C-alpha atoms as a PDB file:
ATOM      1  CA  MET A   1       0.000   0.000   0.000  1.00  0.00           C
ATOM      2  CA  LYS A   2       2.834   2.430   0.859  1.00  0.00           C
ATOM      3  CA  LYS A   3       4.411   1.775  -2.550  1.00  0.00           C
ATOM      4  CA  ILE A   4       1.082   2.519  -4.296  1.00  0.00           C
ATOM      5  CA  ILE A   5       0.651   5.800  -2.376  1.00  0.00           C
ATOM      6  CA  LEU A   6       4.229   6.846  -3.166  1.00  0.00           C
ATOM      7  CA  LEU A   7       3.790   6.065  -6.853  1.00  0.00           C
ATOM      8  CA  ASN A   8       0.523   8.035  -6.912  1.00  0.00           C
ATOM      9  CA  LEU A   9       2.282  11.000  -5.271  1.00  0.00           C
ATOM     10  CA  ILE A  10       5.132  10.932  -7.796  1.00  0.00           C
ATOM     11  CA  PHE A  11       2.630  10.648 -10.640  1.00  0.00           C
ATOM     12  CA  THR A  12       0.647  13.612  -9.258  1.00  0.00           C
ATOM     13  CA  ILE A  13       3.746  15.828  -9.007  1.00  0.00           C
ATOM     14  CA  PHE A  14       4.825  14.801 -12.496  1.00  0.00           C
ATOM     15  CA  SER A  15       1.362  15.569 -13.839  1.00  0.00           C
ATOM     16  CA  LEU A  16       1.342  19.005 -12.195  1.00  0.00           C
ATOM     17  CA  SER A  17       4.776  19.842 -13.542  1.00  0.00           C
ATOM     18  CA  THR A  18       3.770  18.683 -17.033  1.00  0.00           C
ATOM     19  CA  ALA A  19       0.429  20.458 -17.090  1.00  0.00           C
ATOM     20  CA  ASN A  20       1.374  23.734 -15.420  1.00  0.00           C
ATOM     21  CA  ALA A  21       5.194  23.718 -15.624  1.00  0.00           C
ATOM     22  CA  GLN A  22       5.031  24.655 -11.921  1.00  0.00           C
ATOM     23  CA  VAL A  23       5.632  22.536  -8.838  1.00  0.00           C
ATOM     24  CA  GLY A  24       4.888  23.574  -5.272  1.00  0.00           C
ATOM     25  CA  ILE A  25       6.402  22.178  -2.096  1.00  0.00           C
ATOM     26  CA  GLY A  26       4.462  23.250   0.974  1.00  0.00           C
ATOM     27  CA  THR A  27       1.923  25.122  -1.184  1.00  0.00           C
ATOM     28  CA  ASP A  28      -1.018  24.199  -3.413  1.00  0.00           C
ATOM     29  CA  ASP A  29      -0.656  27.384  -5.455  1.00  0.00           C
ATOM     30  CA  PRO A  30       2.908  27.520  -6.877  1.00  0.00           C
ATOM     31  CA  GLN A  31       3.805  30.821  -8.497  1.00  0.00           C
ATOM     32  CA  LEU A  32       7.098  29.701 -10.042  1.00  0.00           C
ATOM     33  CA  THR A  33       8.577  26.697 -11.808  1.00  0.00           C
ATOM     34  CA  LEU A  34       9.532  25.414  -8.348  1.00  0.00           C
ATOM     35  CA  ASP A  35       7.891  27.212  -5.418  1.00  0.00           C
ATOM     36  CA  VAL A  36       9.051  26.118  -1.963  1.00  0.00           C
ATOM     37  CA  THR A  37       7.100  27.464   1.001  1.00  0.00           C
ATOM     38  CA  GLY A  38       8.477  27.080   4.509  1.00  0.00           C
ATOM     39  CA  VAL A  39       6.673  26.568   7.799  1.00  0.00           C
ATOM     40  CA  PRO A  40       7.364  29.843   9.639  1.00  0.00           C
ATOM     41  CA  SER A  41       4.765  29.067  12.313  1.00  0.00           C
ATOM     42  CA  SER A  42       6.757  26.058  13.552  1.00  0.00           C
ATOM     43  CA  THR A  43       9.986  26.652  15.450  1.00  0.00           C
ATOM     44  CA  ASP A  44      10.739  22.927  15.320  1.00  0.00           C
ATOM     45  CA  VAL A  45      10.936  22.740  11.524  1.00  0.00           C
ATOM     46  CA  PRO A  46      14.221  23.974   9.970  1.00  0.00           C
ATOM     47  CA  ASP A  47      13.221  25.654   6.682  1.00  0.00           C
ATOM     48  CA  GLY A  48      15.526  25.967   3.717  1.00  0.00           C
ATOM     49  CA  VAL A  49      16.698  24.478   0.447  1.00  0.00           C
ATOM     50  CA  ARG A  50      20.076  22.741   0.320  1.00  0.00           C
ATOM     51  CA  ALA A  51      22.114  22.267  -2.840  1.00  0.00           C
ATOM     52  CA  PRO A  52      23.971  18.998  -3.464  1.00  0.00           C
ATOM     53  CA  ARG A  53      26.931  18.677  -1.087  1.00  0.00           C
ATOM     54  CA  LEU A  54      30.181  17.534  -2.704  1.00  0.00           C
ATOM     55  CA  THR A  55      33.873  17.562  -1.915  1.00  0.00           C
ATOM     56  CA  LEU A  56      36.261  19.180  -4.380  1.00  0.00           C
ATOM     57  CA  ALA A  57      37.529  15.689  -5.167  1.00  0.00           C
ATOM     58  CA  ASP A  58      33.973  14.705  -6.102  1.00  0.00           C
ATOM     59  CA  LEU A  59      33.625  17.773  -8.313  1.00  0.00           C
ATOM     60  CA  ASN A  60      36.991  17.133  -9.988  1.00  0.00           C
ATOM     61  CA  ALA A  61      35.731  13.694 -11.011  1.00  0.00           C
ATOM     62  CA  LYS A  62      32.501  15.028 -12.555  1.00  0.00           C
ATOM     63  CA  THR A  63      33.754  15.979 -16.020  1.00  0.00           C
ATOM     64  CA  SER A  64      30.422  15.860 -17.862  1.00  0.00           C
ATOM     65  CA  TYR A  65      29.437  19.485 -17.108  1.00  0.00           C
ATOM     66  CA  SER A  66      28.983  21.659 -20.201  1.00  0.00           C
ATOM     67  CA  SER A  67      27.029  24.744 -21.263  1.00  0.00           C
ATOM     68  CA  ASP A  68      23.878  22.627 -20.841  1.00  0.00           C
ATOM     69  CA  GLN A  69      24.487  22.701 -17.064  1.00  0.00           C
ATOM     70  CA  GLU A  70      25.160  26.454 -16.866  1.00  0.00           C
ATOM     71  CA  GLY A  71      23.614  27.822 -13.672  1.00  0.00           C
ATOM     72  CA  ALA A  72      23.988  24.613 -11.638  1.00  0.00           C
ATOM     73  CA  ILE A  73      24.689  25.161  -7.924  1.00  0.00           C
ATOM     74  CA  VAL A  74      26.583  22.939  -5.484  1.00  0.00           C
ATOM     75  CA  TYR A  75      27.982  23.273  -1.982  1.00  0.00           C
ATOM     76  CA  VAL A  76      31.625  22.231  -1.615  1.00  0.00           C
ATOM     77  CA  THR A  77      32.295  20.756   1.818  1.00  0.00           C
ATOM     78  CA  ASP A  78      36.036  20.060   1.600  1.00  0.00           C
ATOM     79  CA  VAL A  79      38.869  21.118  -0.744  1.00  0.00           C
ATOM     80  CA  THR A  80      41.549  18.652   0.347  1.00  0.00           C
ATOM     81  CA  GLY A  81      43.763  17.751  -2.600  1.00  0.00           C
ATOM     82  CA  GLY A  82      42.998  20.923  -4.555  1.00  0.00           C
ATOM     83  CA  SER A  83      41.789  21.365  -8.107  1.00  0.00           C
ATOM     84  CA  THR A  84      42.906  18.822 -10.701  1.00  0.00           C
ATOM     85  CA  VAL A  85      40.797  19.977 -13.689  1.00  0.00           C
ATOM     86  CA  ASN A  86      40.292  23.370 -15.354  1.00  0.00           C
ATOM     87  CA  ALA A  87      36.613  23.617 -14.390  1.00  0.00           C
ATOM     88  CA  THR A  88      37.400  23.691 -10.645  1.00  0.00           C
ATOM     89  CA  GLU A  89      40.489  25.931 -10.700  1.00  0.00           C
ATOM     90  CA  LEU A  90      38.592  28.723  -8.901  1.00  0.00           C
ATOM     91  CA  VAL A  91      37.322  26.478  -6.089  1.00  0.00           C
ATOM     92  CA  SER A  92      39.500  27.545  -3.155  1.00  0.00           C
ATOM     93  CA  GLY A  93      37.374  26.932  -0.055  1.00  0.00           C
ATOM     94  CA  GLU A  94      34.182  25.553   1.416  1.00  0.00           C
ATOM     95  CA  GLY A  95      30.963  27.174   0.214  1.00  0.00           C
ATOM     96  CA  TYR A  96      28.432  27.592  -2.583  1.00  0.00           C
ATOM     97  CA  TYR A  97      29.597  27.568  -6.210  1.00  0.00           C
ATOM     98  CA  TYR A  98      27.728  28.013  -9.502  1.00  0.00           C
ATOM     99  CA  PHE A  99      28.702  26.704 -12.923  1.00  0.00           C
ATOM    100  CA  ASP A 100      29.104  29.443 -15.566  1.00  0.00           C
ATOM    101  CA  GLY A 101      29.317  27.051 -18.490  1.00  0.00           C
ATOM    102  CA  SER A 102      33.039  26.416 -18.199  1.00  0.00           C
ATOM    103  CA  LEU A 103      34.153  27.168 -14.610  1.00  0.00           C
ATOM    104  CA  TRP A 104      32.787  26.743 -11.100  1.00  0.00           C
ATOM    105  CA  GLN A 105      32.558  30.263  -9.648  1.00  0.00           C
ATOM    106  CA  SER A 106      32.240  31.150  -5.976  1.00  0.00           C
ATOM    107  CA  MET A 107      28.946  32.728  -4.918  1.00  0.00           C
ATOM    108  CA  LYS A 108      30.822  34.576  -2.177  1.00  0.00           C
ATOM    109  CA  SER A 109      31.998  38.045  -3.158  1.00  0.00           C
ATOM    110  CA  THR A 110      35.787  38.438  -3.152  1.00  0.00           C
ATOM    111  CA  ALA A 111      35.588  42.245  -3.252  1.00  0.00           C
ATOM    112  CA  GLY A 112      37.965  43.793  -0.742  1.00  0.00           C
ATOM    113  CA  SER A 113      40.041  40.628  -0.490  1.00  0.00           C
ATOM    114  CA  ILE A 114      43.775  40.372  -1.047  1.00  0.00           C
ATOM    115  CA  LEU A 115      43.929  37.927  -3.937  1.00  0.00           C
ATOM    116  CA  PHE A 116      47.667  37.785  -4.438  1.00  0.00           C
ATOM    117  CA  THR A 117      50.778  38.470  -2.377  1.00  0.00           C
ATOM    118  CA  ALA A 118      54.337  37.708  -3.461  1.00  0.00           C
ATOM    119  CA  SER A 119      57.809  38.936  -2.596  1.00  0.00           C
ATOM    120  CA  ILE A 120      61.536  38.452  -2.874  1.00  0.00           C
ATOM    121  CA  GLY A 121      64.096  39.055  -0.123  1.00  0.00           C
ATOM    122  CA  GLU A 122      63.840  39.122   3.648  1.00  0.00           C
ATOM    123  CA  GLY A 123      64.871  42.662   4.549  1.00  0.00           C
ATOM    124  CA  ALA A 124      68.643  42.261   4.440  1.00  0.00           C
ATOM    125  CA  GLY A 125      69.625  45.466   2.648  1.00  0.00           C
ATOM    126  CA  SER A 126      73.136  44.315   1.750  1.00  0.00           C
ATOM    127  CA  GLN A 127      71.994  41.083   0.095  1.00  0.00           C
ATOM    128  CA  VAL A 128      71.535  41.002  -3.678  1.00  0.00           C
ATOM    129  CA  ASN A 129      68.560  38.764  -4.480  1.00  0.00           C
ATOM    130  CA  LEU A 130      68.086  39.861  -8.077  1.00  0.00           C
ATOM    131  CA  THR A 131      70.061  41.924 -10.598  1.00  0.00           C
ATOM    132  CA  LEU A 132      68.271  43.530 -13.558  1.00  0.00           C
ATOM    133  CA  ASN A 133      69.870  45.202 -16.541  1.00  0.00           C
ATOM    134  CA  GLN A 134      70.184  48.951 -16.801  1.00  0.00           C
ATOM    135  CA  ASP A 135      68.410  51.096 -19.405  1.00  0.00           C
ATOM    136  CA  SER A 136      65.577  48.664 -20.163  1.00  0.00           C
ATOM    137  CA  PHE A 137      62.166  47.818 -18.741  1.00  0.00           C
ATOM    138  CA  GLU A 138      62.690  44.633 -16.730  1.00  0.00           C
ATOM    139  CA  THR A 139      60.150  42.418 -14.927  1.00  0.00           C
ATOM    140  CA  ILE A 140      60.853  41.470 -11.317  1.00  0.00           C
ATOM    141  CA  VAL A 141      60.149  37.762 -10.924  1.00  0.00           C
ATOM    142  CA  LEU A 142      59.005  37.298  -7.336  1.00  0.00           C
ATOM    143  CA  ALA A 143      60.181  33.996  -5.908  1.00  0.00           C
ATOM    144  CA  ASP A 144      57.938  33.678  -2.842  1.00  0.00           C
ATOM    145  CA  VAL A 145      54.152  33.560  -3.297  1.00  0.00           C
ATOM    146  CA  GLU A 146      52.508  33.903   0.117  1.00  0.00           C
ATOM    147  CA  GLN A 147      48.898  33.979  -1.081  1.00  0.00           C
ATOM    148  CA  ASN A 148      47.050  33.289  -4.320  1.00  0.00           C
ATOM    149  CA  LEU A 149      43.248  33.160  -3.987  1.00  0.00           C
ATOM    150  CA  GLY A 150      40.421  33.577  -6.463  1.00  0.00           C
ATOM    151  CA  GLY A 151      41.886  31.652  -9.373  1.00  0.00           C
ATOM    152  CA  GLY A 152      44.556  34.048 -10.642  1.00  0.00           C
ATOM    153  CA  ASN A 153      47.385  32.174 -12.366  1.00  0.00           C
ATOM    154  CA  TRP A 154      50.960  33.081 -11.403  1.00  0.00           C
ATOM    155  CA  ASP A 155      53.657  32.356 -13.980  1.00  0.00           C
ATOM    156  CA  ALA A 156      56.808  31.900 -11.900  1.00  0.00           C
ATOM    157  CA  THR A 157      58.998  31.976 -15.019  1.00  0.00           C
ATOM    158  CA  GLN A 158      57.647  35.148 -16.623  1.00  0.00           C
ATOM    159  CA  GLY A 159      56.664  36.866 -13.369  1.00  0.00           C
ATOM    160  CA  THR A 160      53.096  37.558 -14.530  1.00  0.00           C
ATOM    161  CA  TYR A 161      49.775  37.324 -12.695  1.00  0.00           C
ATOM    162  CA  GLU A 162      46.693  36.469 -14.781  1.00  0.00           C
ATOM    163  CA  VAL A 163      43.699  38.525 -13.619  1.00  0.00           C
ATOM    164  CA  PRO A 164      40.900  36.074 -12.654  1.00  0.00           C
ATOM    165  CA  ILE A 165      37.935  38.489 -12.646  1.00  0.00           C
ATOM    166  CA  SER A 166      37.255  41.714 -14.554  1.00  0.00           C
ATOM    167  CA  GLY A 167      37.069  44.517 -12.027  1.00  0.00           C
ATOM    168  CA  THR A 168      38.735  47.386 -10.204  1.00  0.00           C
ATOM    169  CA  TYR A 169      41.923  46.502  -8.363  1.00  0.00           C
ATOM    170  CA  LEU A 170      44.184  48.104  -5.785  1.00  0.00           C
ATOM    171  CA  ILE A 171      47.833  47.437  -6.597  1.00  0.00           C
ATOM    172  CA  LYS A 172      50.594  47.933  -4.021  1.00  0.00           C
ATOM    173  CA  SER A 173      54.248  47.190  -4.695  1.00  0.00           C
ATOM    174  CA  SER A 174      57.680  48.072  -3.384  1.00  0.00           C
ATOM    175  CA  VAL A 175      61.264  47.766  -4.615  1.00  0.00           C
ATOM    176  CA  ARG A 176      64.390  48.166  -2.491  1.00  0.00           C
ATOM    177  CA  LEU A 177      67.839  48.582  -3.981  1.00  0.00           C
ATOM    178  CA  THR A 178      70.784  47.196  -2.036  1.00  0.00           C
ATOM    179  CA  ASP A 179      72.403  49.586   0.427  1.00  0.00           C
ATOM    180  CA  ASN A 180      74.818  52.120  -1.089  1.00  0.00           C
ATOM    181  CA  SER A 181      73.537  51.593  -4.641  1.00  0.00           C
ATOM    182  CA  SER A 182      74.658  54.444  -6.880  1.00  0.00           C
ATOM    183  CA  SER A 183      72.256  57.309  -7.543  1.00  0.00           C
ATOM    184  CA  ARG A 184      70.112  57.044 -10.669  1.00  0.00           C
ATOM    185  CA  ASN A 185      66.624  57.741 -12.023  1.00  0.00           C
ATOM    186  CA  PHE A 186      64.404  54.776 -11.263  1.00  0.00           C
ATOM    187  CA  PHE A 187      60.978  53.761 -12.601  1.00  0.00           C
ATOM    188  CA  GLN A 188      58.429  51.345 -11.124  1.00  0.00           C
ATOM    189  CA  CYS A 189      55.041  50.189 -12.432  1.00  0.00           C
ATOM    190  CA  VAL A 190      52.542  47.309 -12.380  1.00  0.00           C
ATOM    191  CA  ASP A 191      50.777  46.872 -15.702  1.00  0.00           C
ATOM    192  CA  VAL A 192      50.183  44.519 -18.636  1.00  0.00           C
ATOM    193  CA  THR A 193      53.206  45.610 -20.728  1.00  0.00           C
ATOM    194  CA  ASN A 194      56.758  46.694 -19.934  1.00  0.00           C
ATOM    195  CA  ALA A 195      56.761  50.297 -21.087  1.00  0.00           C
ATOM    196  CA  ASP A 196      57.095  53.896 -19.866  1.00  0.00           C
ATOM    197  CA  ASN A 197      53.511  53.958 -18.686  1.00  0.00           C
ATOM    198  CA  PRO A 198      52.039  57.267 -17.419  1.00  0.00           C
ATOM    199  CA  GLN A 199      50.589  55.205 -14.557  1.00  0.00           C
ATOM    200  CA  GLY A 200      54.121  54.377 -13.451  1.00  0.00           C
ATOM    201  CA  LEU A 201      56.361  56.327 -11.077  1.00  0.00           C
ATOM    202  CA  TRP A 202      59.805  57.885 -11.620  1.00  0.00           C
ATOM    203  CA  GLN A 203      62.069  58.754  -8.702  1.00  0.00           C
ATOM    204  CA  SER A 204      65.770  59.318  -7.959  1.00  0.00           C
ATOM    205  CA  ASN A 205      67.351  57.166  -5.271  1.00  0.00           C
ATOM    206  CA  SER A 206      69.542  58.704  -2.589  1.00  0.00           C
ATOM    207  CA  GLY A 207      72.524  56.445  -3.189  1.00  0.00           C
ATOM    208  CA  MET A 208      72.217  54.913   0.288  1.00  0.00           C
ATOM    209  CA  ARG A 209      69.405  52.820   1.825  1.00  0.00           C
ATOM    210  CA  TRP A 210      66.368  53.379  -0.387  1.00  0.00           C
ATOM    211  CA  THR A 211      62.938  51.792  -0.907  1.00  0.00           C
ATOM    212  CA  MET A 212      60.451  52.895  -3.569  1.00  0.00           C
ATOM    213  CA  LEU A 213      56.726  52.420  -2.827  1.00  0.00           C
ATOM    214  CA  TYR A 214      54.058  52.290  -5.523  1.00  0.00           C
ATOM    215  CA  THR A 215      50.229  52.291  -5.341  1.00  0.00           C
ATOM    216  CA  ARG A 216      47.676  52.226  -8.132  1.00  0.00           C
ATOM    217  CA  ILE A 217      43.920  51.737  -8.543  1.00  0.00           C
ATOM    218  CA  ALA A 218      42.870  50.569 -12.006  1.00  0.00           C
ATOM    219  CA  PHE A 219      40.374  48.443 -13.930  1.00  0.00           C
ATOM    220  CA  PHE A 220      41.708  45.238 -15.464  1.00  0.00           C
ATOM    221  CA  ASP A 221      40.001  42.651 -17.647  1.00  0.00           C
ATOM    222  CA  GLN A 222      39.909  38.947 -16.917  1.00  0.00           C
ATOM    223  CA  GLY A 223      42.970  37.380 -18.501  1.00  0.00           C
ATOM    224  CA  ASP A 224      45.185  40.480 -18.329  1.00  0.00           C
ATOM    225  CA  LEU A 225      48.752  39.589 -17.401  1.00  0.00           C
ATOM    226  CA  LEU A 226      50.029  41.935 -14.697  1.00  0.00           C
ATOM    227  CA  ARG A 227      53.698  42.243 -13.840  1.00  0.00           C
ATOM    228  CA  LEU A 228      55.873  44.352 -11.529  1.00  0.00           C
ATOM    229  CA  TYR A 229      58.597  45.960 -13.625  1.00  0.00           C
ATOM    230  CA  ILE A 230      61.280  48.619 -13.312  1.00  0.00           C
ATOM    231  CA  TYR A 231      63.678  50.775 -15.323  1.00  0.00           C
ATOM    232  CA  SER A 232      67.072  51.581 -13.862  1.00  0.00           C
ATOM    233  CA  ASP A 233      68.707  54.540 -15.629  1.00  0.00           C
ATOM    234  CA  GLY A 234      72.465  54.247 -16.194  1.00  0.00           C
ATOM    235  CA  ALA A 235      73.216  51.420 -13.744  1.00  0.00           C
ATOM    236  CA  ASP A 236      72.195  47.803 -13.212  1.00  0.00           C
ATOM    237  CA  ALA A 237      69.609  47.372 -10.454  1.00  0.00           C
ATOM    238  CA  ASP A 238      70.795  45.202  -7.547  1.00  0.00           C
ATOM    239  CA  ILE A 239      67.549  44.443  -5.711  1.00  0.00           C
ATOM    240  CA  SER A 240      67.485  43.234  -2.128  1.00  0.00           C
ATOM    241  CA  ASP A 241      63.709  43.199  -1.659  1.00  0.00           C
ATOM    242  CA  ALA A 242      60.504  43.596  -3.677  1.00  0.00           C
ATOM    243  CA  SER A 243      56.834  42.846  -3.060  1.00  0.00           C
ATOM    244  CA  LEU A 244      53.466  42.884  -4.831  1.00  0.00           C
ATOM    245  CA  ASP A 245      49.935  42.874  -3.366  1.00  0.00           C
ATOM    246  CA  ILE A 246      46.803  42.692  -5.548  1.00  0.00           C
ATOM    247  CA  VAL A 247      43.402  43.500  -4.001  1.00  0.00           C
ATOM    248  CA  LEU A 248      40.048  43.184  -5.769  1.00  0.00           C
ATOM    249  CA  LEU A 249      37.980  46.261  -4.878  1.00  0.00           C
ATOM    250  CA  SER A 250      34.913  45.546  -7.004  1.00  0.00           C
ATOM    251  CA  GLN A 251      33.870  43.154  -9.746  1.00  0.00           C
ATOM    252  CA  ASN A 252      32.705  44.345 -13.136  1.00  0.00           C
END
């Protein structure tokens, strides 16, 4: 008898969804394709709708997602092991994610978050950690990546950071020449090409202990390749320390 009742219930729901293209749970008068009504009068009934709960390992193994599944929502419960396929490269922590047709995107806003932090050197002003040629725009390849969230790809060979989301970013960087470096005009910038950019900064070092700080707010498109680069006028640049922080202020 229970099986017959269950089959009748399933048949009734299927019939409603076929006839009206609307299904109600907790209501006899659905106003949407799926209309779920809670029980606010009962404090003993936990209301809510829960998406499928998967680990990142589970999601890595599900390779059949395509544009047909665009808009799907899941809740990732554990990210042990990290991403192993392109579709999950932006899954960095527990939470809700939606499928945009090619990638799983976090439903949590990353605005105001430090997405990327990298550096070279440990504050010893007499130690040369990197030497760059004079009279040319040279990228500083930062050896130590302390943080990389949000799916931005860091190329450790080229020293470029691939912007993961179109939006407005706060860029902060610093470059320190070794103590007693000779005086020269010095340029610093963070941008997509190595050039004398008007958004860059020119200064003259003192010839002793000297650190150059740089800050910029700018809009960048997804896929832009940002790099910290310098120009050292008339003398090779012996660098003891450098750092780069990238903060997403707002998404496009």
